[in-house]
Amino acid sequence: MKGEQLAFVKDDGITLADGNTVTSHSFQTALFPRNTPSREITQLSPDELQFMATNEILDEADIHFTQKEKVTLSKFIDPIADVDKLMASELTQECLLIKGRNGTLNDMIQLIEASLTADSKADANISTIE
């Protein structure tokens, strides 16, 4: 079908296929933040620890969104944050990782749309099983 885009979501990243173009994004993130006392680590969830570790890496790499990227991405991310703050923060981190790999704003939007599609399909599968 013309204009159809396929997304393959795997544990190690996401692959987008549009026509004859295939774009792969792999996300390698640290699992634990550095210089965090063990007492604090035991009080945080694995998701919180990974979030903190990824933020450390992004801060060190000095990767930031432009104003245009912030405005555009907030149209997608803000409604997600109203429902699922963790998913919104993960998508924001993944967009920063894409930017760090010289990805475009369009690449970031495609990632968000593909993630939402994959998430809604997973929800549909869960509701049909219940």
N, C-alpha and C. Protein backbone atom coordinates (compact mmCIF):
# COMPACT_ATOMS: atom_id res chain seq x y z
N MET A 1 0.83 -1.17 0.00
CA MET A 1 0.00 0.00 0.00
C MET A 1 0.88 1.24 0.00
N LYS A 2 0.49 2.21 -0.78
CA LYS A 2 1.28 3.43 -0.86
C LYS A 2 1.10 4.25 0.41
N GLY A 3 2.22 4.76 0.93
CA GLY A 3 2.18 5.59 2.12
C GLY A 3 2.09 4.81 3.42
N GLU A 4 2.05 3.48 3.32
CA GLU A 4 1.96 2.68 4.54
C GLU A 4 3.35 2.56 5.17
N GLN A 5 3.37 2.62 6.48
CA GLN A 5 4.64 2.49 7.19
C GLN A 5 4.53 1.34 8.17
N LEU A 6 5.56 0.53 8.20
CA LEU A 6 5.60 -0.60 9.12
C LEU A 6 6.61 -0.31 10.21
N ALA A 7 6.31 -0.74 11.41
CA ALA A 7 7.25 -0.58 12.52
C ALA A 7 7.43 -1.92 13.20
N PHE A 8 8.67 -2.29 13.41
CA PHE A 8 9.00 -3.53 14.10
C PHE A 8 9.67 -3.15 15.41
N VAL A 9 9.01 -3.43 16.50
CA VAL A 9 9.54 -3.07 17.81
C VAL A 9 10.13 -4.32 18.44
N LYS A 10 11.41 -4.23 18.82
CA LYS A 10 12.10 -5.36 19.45
C LYS A 10 12.71 -4.87 20.75
N ASP A 11 13.24 -5.80 21.52
CA ASP A 11 13.86 -5.44 22.80
C ASP A 11 15.02 -4.47 22.62
N ASP A 12 15.75 -4.59 21.52
CA ASP A 12 16.95 -3.78 21.35
C ASP A 12 16.73 -2.52 20.53
N GLY A 13 15.49 -2.22 20.15
CA GLY A 13 15.25 -1.00 19.40
C GLY A 13 14.01 -1.09 18.55
N ILE A 14 13.96 -0.24 17.54
CA ILE A 14 12.80 -0.18 16.67
C ILE A 14 13.29 -0.01 15.24
N THR A 15 12.61 -0.66 14.31
CA THR A 15 12.92 -0.53 12.89
C THR A 15 11.69 0.01 12.19
N LEU A 16 11.86 1.10 11.47
CA LEU A 16 10.77 1.70 10.71
C LEU A 16 11.00 1.42 9.23
N ALA A 17 9.95 0.99 8.54
CA ALA A 17 10.05 0.72 7.11
C ALA A 17 8.98 1.54 6.40
N ASP A 18 9.40 2.38 5.47
CA ASP A 18 8.48 3.23 4.72
C ASP A 18 8.88 3.14 3.25
N GLY A 19 8.08 2.43 2.45
CA GLY A 19 8.43 2.25 1.05
C GLY A 19 9.70 1.44 0.95
N ASN A 20 10.71 2.00 0.31
CA ASN A 20 11.99 1.31 0.16
C ASN A 20 13.02 1.73 1.20
N THR A 21 12.62 2.55 2.15
CA THR A 21 13.55 3.06 3.15
C THR A 21 13.33 2.36 4.47
N VAL A 22 14.40 1.84 5.04
CA VAL A 22 14.34 1.20 6.35
C VAL A 22 15.27 1.95 7.29
N THR A 23 14.75 2.35 8.43
CA THR A 23 15.54 3.07 9.41
C THR A 23 15.51 2.29 10.72
N SER A 24 16.66 2.00 11.26
CA SER A 24 16.73 1.29 12.54
C SER A 24 17.26 2.21 13.62
N HIS A 25 16.65 2.11 14.78
CA HIS A 25 17.11 2.86 15.95
C HIS A 25 17.34 1.84 17.06
N SER A 26 18.58 1.71 17.54
CA SER A 26 18.80 0.86 18.70
C SER A 26 19.10 1.75 19.88
N PHE A 27 18.55 1.36 20.99
CA PHE A 27 18.68 2.17 22.18
C PHE A 27 19.52 1.43 23.20
N GLN A 28 20.67 1.96 23.49
CA GLN A 28 21.52 1.36 24.51
C GLN A 28 21.56 2.34 25.67
N THR A 29 21.03 1.92 26.77
CA THR A 29 21.00 2.80 27.93
C THR A 29 21.60 2.09 29.13
N ALA A 30 22.15 2.87 30.01
CA ALA A 30 22.69 2.32 31.25
C ALA A 30 21.53 1.89 32.15
N LEU A 31 21.76 0.90 32.96
CA LEU A 31 20.71 0.41 33.85
C LEU A 31 20.73 1.08 35.22
N PHE A 32 21.89 1.58 35.65
CA PHE A 32 22.00 2.19 36.97
C PHE A 32 22.70 3.54 36.86
N PRO A 33 22.25 4.52 37.62
CA PRO A 33 22.96 5.81 37.64
C PRO A 33 24.27 5.67 38.40
N ARG A 34 25.24 6.47 38.02
CA ARG A 34 26.52 6.48 38.72
C ARG A 34 26.41 7.31 39.99
N ASN A 35 27.28 7.06 40.91
CA ASN A 35 27.39 7.86 42.13
C ASN A 35 26.08 7.95 42.91
N THR A 36 25.31 6.90 42.88
CA THR A 36 24.08 6.85 43.67
C THR A 36 24.31 5.87 44.81
N PRO A 37 24.10 6.31 46.04
CA PRO A 37 24.34 5.43 47.18
C PRO A 37 23.47 4.17 47.11
N SER A 38 24.01 3.06 47.55
CA SER A 38 23.28 1.79 47.48
C SER A 38 21.96 1.86 48.25
N ARG A 39 21.95 2.62 49.31
CA ARG A 39 20.71 2.76 50.09
C ARG A 39 19.60 3.39 49.23
N GLU A 40 19.97 4.40 48.43
CA GLU A 40 18.99 5.05 47.56
C GLU A 40 18.57 4.11 46.42
N ILE A 41 19.52 3.34 45.90
CA ILE A 41 19.21 2.40 44.81
C ILE A 41 18.16 1.39 45.25
N THR A 42 18.25 0.93 46.47
CA THR A 42 17.28 -0.08 46.94
C THR A 42 15.88 0.49 47.10
N GLN A 43 15.75 1.80 47.17
CA GLN A 43 14.45 2.43 47.35
C GLN A 43 13.78 2.82 46.03
N LEU A 44 14.49 2.64 44.93
CA LEU A 44 13.97 3.05 43.62
C LEU A 44 13.61 1.83 42.79
N SER A 45 12.64 2.02 41.90
CA SER A 45 12.25 0.93 41.00
C SER A 45 13.28 0.81 39.88
N PRO A 46 13.34 -0.34 39.20
CA PRO A 46 14.26 -0.48 38.06
C PRO A 46 14.01 0.58 36.98
N ASP A 47 12.74 0.92 36.74
CA ASP A 47 12.44 1.95 35.75
C ASP A 47 13.00 3.31 36.16
N GLU A 48 12.86 3.64 37.44
CA GLU A 48 13.39 4.92 37.93
C GLU A 48 14.91 4.95 37.82
N LEU A 49 15.56 3.84 38.14
CA LEU A 49 17.02 3.77 38.05
C LEU A 49 17.50 3.92 36.62
N GLN A 50 16.83 3.25 35.70
CA GLN A 50 17.22 3.35 34.30
C GLN A 50 16.98 4.77 33.78
N PHE A 51 15.87 5.37 34.19
CA PHE A 51 15.57 6.74 33.80
C PHE A 51 16.67 7.69 34.26
N MET A 52 17.08 7.55 35.52
CA MET A 52 18.14 8.39 36.07
C MET A 52 19.46 8.17 35.33
N ALA A 53 19.78 6.92 35.04
CA ALA A 53 21.03 6.60 34.35
C ALA A 53 21.04 7.17 32.93
N THR A 54 19.92 7.05 32.24
CA THR A 54 19.84 7.58 30.88
C THR A 54 19.96 9.10 30.89
N ASN A 55 19.33 9.74 31.86
CA ASN A 55 19.45 11.20 31.97
C ASN A 55 20.89 11.62 32.21
N GLU A 56 21.63 10.86 33.01
CA GLU A 56 23.05 11.16 33.23
C GLU A 56 23.82 11.13 31.91
N ILE A 57 23.58 10.08 31.13
CA ILE A 57 24.29 9.93 29.85
C ILE A 57 23.95 11.08 28.91
N LEU A 58 22.66 11.42 28.84
CA LEU A 58 22.23 12.50 27.95
C LEU A 58 22.80 13.85 28.41
N ASP A 59 22.84 14.08 29.71
CA ASP A 59 23.42 15.32 30.23
C ASP A 59 24.90 15.41 29.89
N GLU A 60 25.61 14.31 30.05
CA GLU A 60 27.05 14.29 29.73
C GLU A 60 27.29 14.52 28.25
N ALA A 61 26.40 14.00 27.42
CA ALA A 61 26.55 14.17 25.97
C ALA A 61 26.11 15.56 25.52
N ASP A 62 25.49 16.32 26.43
CA ASP A 62 25.02 17.67 26.14
C ASP A 62 24.08 17.70 24.93
N ILE A 63 23.10 16.80 24.95
CA ILE A 63 22.11 16.72 23.88
C ILE A 63 20.83 17.40 24.37
N HIS A 64 20.39 18.39 23.61
CA HIS A 64 19.19 19.14 23.99
C HIS A 64 18.33 19.39 22.76
N PHE A 65 17.03 19.55 22.98
CA PHE A 65 16.11 19.85 21.89
C PHE A 65 16.18 21.33 21.53
N THR A 66 15.98 21.63 20.25
CA THR A 66 15.82 23.02 19.83
C THR A 66 14.41 23.47 20.23
N GLN A 67 14.14 24.75 20.15
CA GLN A 67 12.82 25.26 20.50
C GLN A 67 11.75 24.66 19.59
N LYS A 68 12.05 24.56 18.29
CA LYS A 68 11.09 23.97 17.34
C LYS A 68 10.79 22.52 17.71
N GLU A 69 11.84 21.77 18.05
CA GLU A 69 11.65 20.37 18.45
C GLU A 69 10.81 20.27 19.72
N LYS A 70 11.08 21.15 20.69
CA LYS A 70 10.30 21.14 21.93
C LYS A 70 8.82 21.37 21.67
N VAL A 71 8.52 22.38 20.85
CA VAL A 71 7.12 22.72 20.56
C VAL A 71 6.43 21.57 19.84
N THR A 72 7.08 21.03 18.83
CA THR A 72 6.48 19.95 18.04
C THR A 72 6.31 18.69 18.88
N LEU A 73 7.35 18.28 19.58
CA LEU A 73 7.28 17.05 20.36
C LEU A 73 6.30 17.16 21.52
N SER A 74 6.15 18.35 22.08
CA SER A 74 5.21 18.51 23.20
C SER A 74 3.78 18.24 22.77
N LYS A 75 3.48 18.46 21.49
CA LYS A 75 2.13 18.16 20.98
C LYS A 75 1.85 16.65 21.04
N PHE A 76 2.89 15.86 20.95
CA PHE A 76 2.74 14.40 21.02
C PHE A 76 2.92 13.90 22.46
N ILE A 77 3.93 14.43 23.14
CA ILE A 77 4.31 13.90 24.45
C ILE A 77 3.37 14.35 25.57
N ASP A 78 2.91 15.59 25.55
CA ASP A 78 2.07 16.10 26.64
C ASP A 78 0.80 15.29 26.86
N PRO A 79 0.06 14.92 25.80
CA PRO A 79 -1.13 14.09 26.03
C PRO A 79 -0.77 12.71 26.59
N ILE A 80 0.38 12.18 26.21
CA ILE A 80 0.82 10.88 26.74
C ILE A 80 1.13 11.04 28.23
N ALA A 81 1.78 12.14 28.59
CA ALA A 81 2.15 12.38 30.00
C ALA A 81 0.91 12.49 30.89
N ASP A 82 -0.19 12.99 30.33
CA ASP A 82 -1.43 13.08 31.11
C ASP A 82 -1.93 11.70 31.53
N VAL A 83 -1.61 10.69 30.72
CA VAL A 83 -2.08 9.32 30.97
C VAL A 83 -0.99 8.45 31.60
N ASP A 84 0.25 8.57 31.09
CA ASP A 84 1.34 7.69 31.52
C ASP A 84 2.66 8.47 31.54
N LYS A 85 3.00 9.00 32.70
CA LYS A 85 4.21 9.83 32.82
C LYS A 85 5.49 9.06 32.50
N LEU A 86 5.55 7.79 32.89
CA LEU A 86 6.75 7.00 32.62
C LEU A 86 6.95 6.81 31.12
N MET A 87 5.88 6.47 30.41
CA MET A 87 5.99 6.30 28.96
C MET A 87 6.41 7.61 28.30
N ALA A 88 5.86 8.73 28.75
CA ALA A 88 6.22 10.03 28.19
C ALA A 88 7.69 10.33 28.41
N SER A 89 8.20 10.05 29.60
CA SER A 89 9.61 10.33 29.86
C SER A 89 10.51 9.39 29.06
N GLU A 90 10.10 8.14 28.91
CA GLU A 90 10.89 7.20 28.10
C GLU A 90 10.93 7.64 26.64
N LEU A 91 9.80 8.08 26.11
CA LEU A 91 9.77 8.54 24.72
C LEU A 91 10.63 9.79 24.55
N THR A 92 10.61 10.67 25.53
CA THR A 92 11.45 11.87 25.47
C THR A 92 12.92 11.49 25.44
N GLN A 93 13.31 10.55 26.30
CA GLN A 93 14.70 10.08 26.30
C GLN A 93 15.06 9.46 24.96
N GLU A 94 14.17 8.65 24.42
CA GLU A 94 14.47 7.99 23.15
C GLU A 94 14.60 9.02 22.03
N CYS A 95 13.80 10.08 22.08
CA CYS A 95 13.92 11.14 21.09
C CYS A 95 15.28 11.84 21.22
N LEU A 96 15.73 12.05 22.45
CA LEU A 96 17.05 12.65 22.64
C LEU A 96 18.15 11.73 22.12
N LEU A 97 17.98 10.43 22.31
CA LEU A 97 18.96 9.47 21.78
C LEU A 97 18.99 9.54 20.25
N ILE A 98 17.82 9.65 19.64
CA ILE A 98 17.75 9.79 18.17
C ILE A 98 18.48 11.05 17.75
N LYS A 99 18.21 12.15 18.44
CA LYS A 99 18.88 13.42 18.12
C LYS A 99 20.39 13.27 18.27
N GLY A 100 20.83 12.58 19.31
CA GLY A 100 22.25 12.37 19.53
C GLY A 100 22.91 11.57 18.43
N ARG A 101 22.11 10.81 17.71
CA ARG A 101 22.63 10.02 16.57
C ARG A 101 22.34 10.73 15.25
N ASN A 102 22.16 12.05 15.34
CA ASN A 102 21.90 12.90 14.17
C ASN A 102 20.58 12.59 13.48
N GLY A 103 19.62 12.08 14.25
CA GLY A 103 18.28 11.85 13.70
C GLY A 103 17.54 13.17 13.55
N THR A 104 16.47 13.12 12.78
CA THR A 104 15.68 14.32 12.50
C THR A 104 14.44 14.36 13.39
N LEU A 105 13.77 15.49 13.37
CA LEU A 105 12.51 15.64 14.09
C LEU A 105 11.50 14.63 13.55
N ASN A 106 11.51 14.41 12.26
CA ASN A 106 10.62 13.42 11.64
C ASN A 106 10.89 12.02 12.18
N ASP A 107 12.16 11.68 12.38
CA ASP A 107 12.52 10.38 12.97
C ASP A 107 11.93 10.24 14.37
N MET A 108 11.98 11.33 15.13
CA MET A 108 11.45 11.31 16.49
C MET A 108 9.93 11.11 16.49
N ILE A 109 9.26 11.81 15.59
CA ILE A 109 7.80 11.69 15.49
C ILE A 109 7.42 10.28 15.07
N GLN A 110 8.16 9.71 14.12
CA GLN A 110 7.89 8.34 13.69
C GLN A 110 8.05 7.36 14.84
N LEU A 111 9.06 7.56 15.67
CA LEU A 111 9.26 6.70 16.83
C LEU A 111 8.07 6.78 17.77
N ILE A 112 7.61 7.99 18.06
CA ILE A 112 6.48 8.17 18.97
C ILE A 112 5.24 7.49 18.41
N GLU A 113 4.96 7.74 17.13
CA GLU A 113 3.78 7.13 16.50
C GLU A 113 3.87 5.61 16.50
N ALA A 114 5.04 5.08 16.19
CA ALA A 114 5.22 3.63 16.17
C ALA A 114 5.06 3.05 17.58
N SER A 115 5.58 3.75 18.58
CA SER A 115 5.45 3.28 19.96
C SER A 115 4.00 3.27 20.40
N LEU A 116 3.26 4.31 20.03
CA LEU A 116 1.84 4.37 20.39
C LEU A 116 1.05 3.27 19.69
N THR A 117 1.39 3.01 18.43
CA THR A 117 0.71 1.95 17.69
C THR A 117 0.99 0.60 18.33
N ALA A 118 2.25 0.35 18.67
CA ALA A 118 2.62 -0.92 19.31
C ALA A 118 1.95 -1.05 20.66
N ASP A 119 1.88 0.06 21.42
CA ASP A 119 1.26 0.04 22.74
C ASP A 119 -0.24 -0.21 22.64
N SER A 120 -0.90 0.41 21.65
CA SER A 120 -2.35 0.21 21.52
C SER A 120 -2.66 -1.21 21.04
N LYS A 121 -1.79 -1.79 20.22
CA LYS A 121 -2.00 -3.18 19.80
C LYS A 121 -1.83 -4.12 20.98
N ALA A 122 -0.86 -3.84 21.84
CA ALA A 122 -0.66 -4.67 23.03
C ALA A 122 -1.87 -4.57 23.95
N ASP A 123 -2.41 -3.36 24.12
CA ASP A 123 -3.61 -3.18 24.94
C ASP A 123 -4.80 -3.92 24.35
N ALA A 124 -4.93 -3.90 23.02
CA ALA A 124 -6.03 -4.60 22.36
C ALA A 124 -5.90 -6.10 22.57
N ASN A 125 -4.69 -6.62 22.49
CA ASN A 125 -4.47 -8.05 22.72
C ASN A 125 -4.81 -8.43 24.15
N ILE A 126 -4.44 -7.59 25.09
CA ILE A 126 -4.74 -7.87 26.50
C ILE A 126 -6.24 -7.87 26.73
N SER A 127 -6.95 -6.89 26.16
CA SER A 127 -8.39 -6.80 26.40
C SER A 127 -9.15 -7.95 25.74
N THR A 128 -8.65 -8.49 24.63
CA THR A 128 -9.34 -9.62 24.00
C THR A 128 -9.10 -10.91 24.76
N ILE A 129 -7.99 -10.99 25.49
CA ILE A 129 -7.67 -12.19 26.26
C ILE A 129 -8.48 -12.23 27.55
N GLU A 130 -8.73 -11.08 28.14
CA GLU A 130 -9.42 -11.01 29.43
C GLU A 130 -10.83 -11.50 29.37
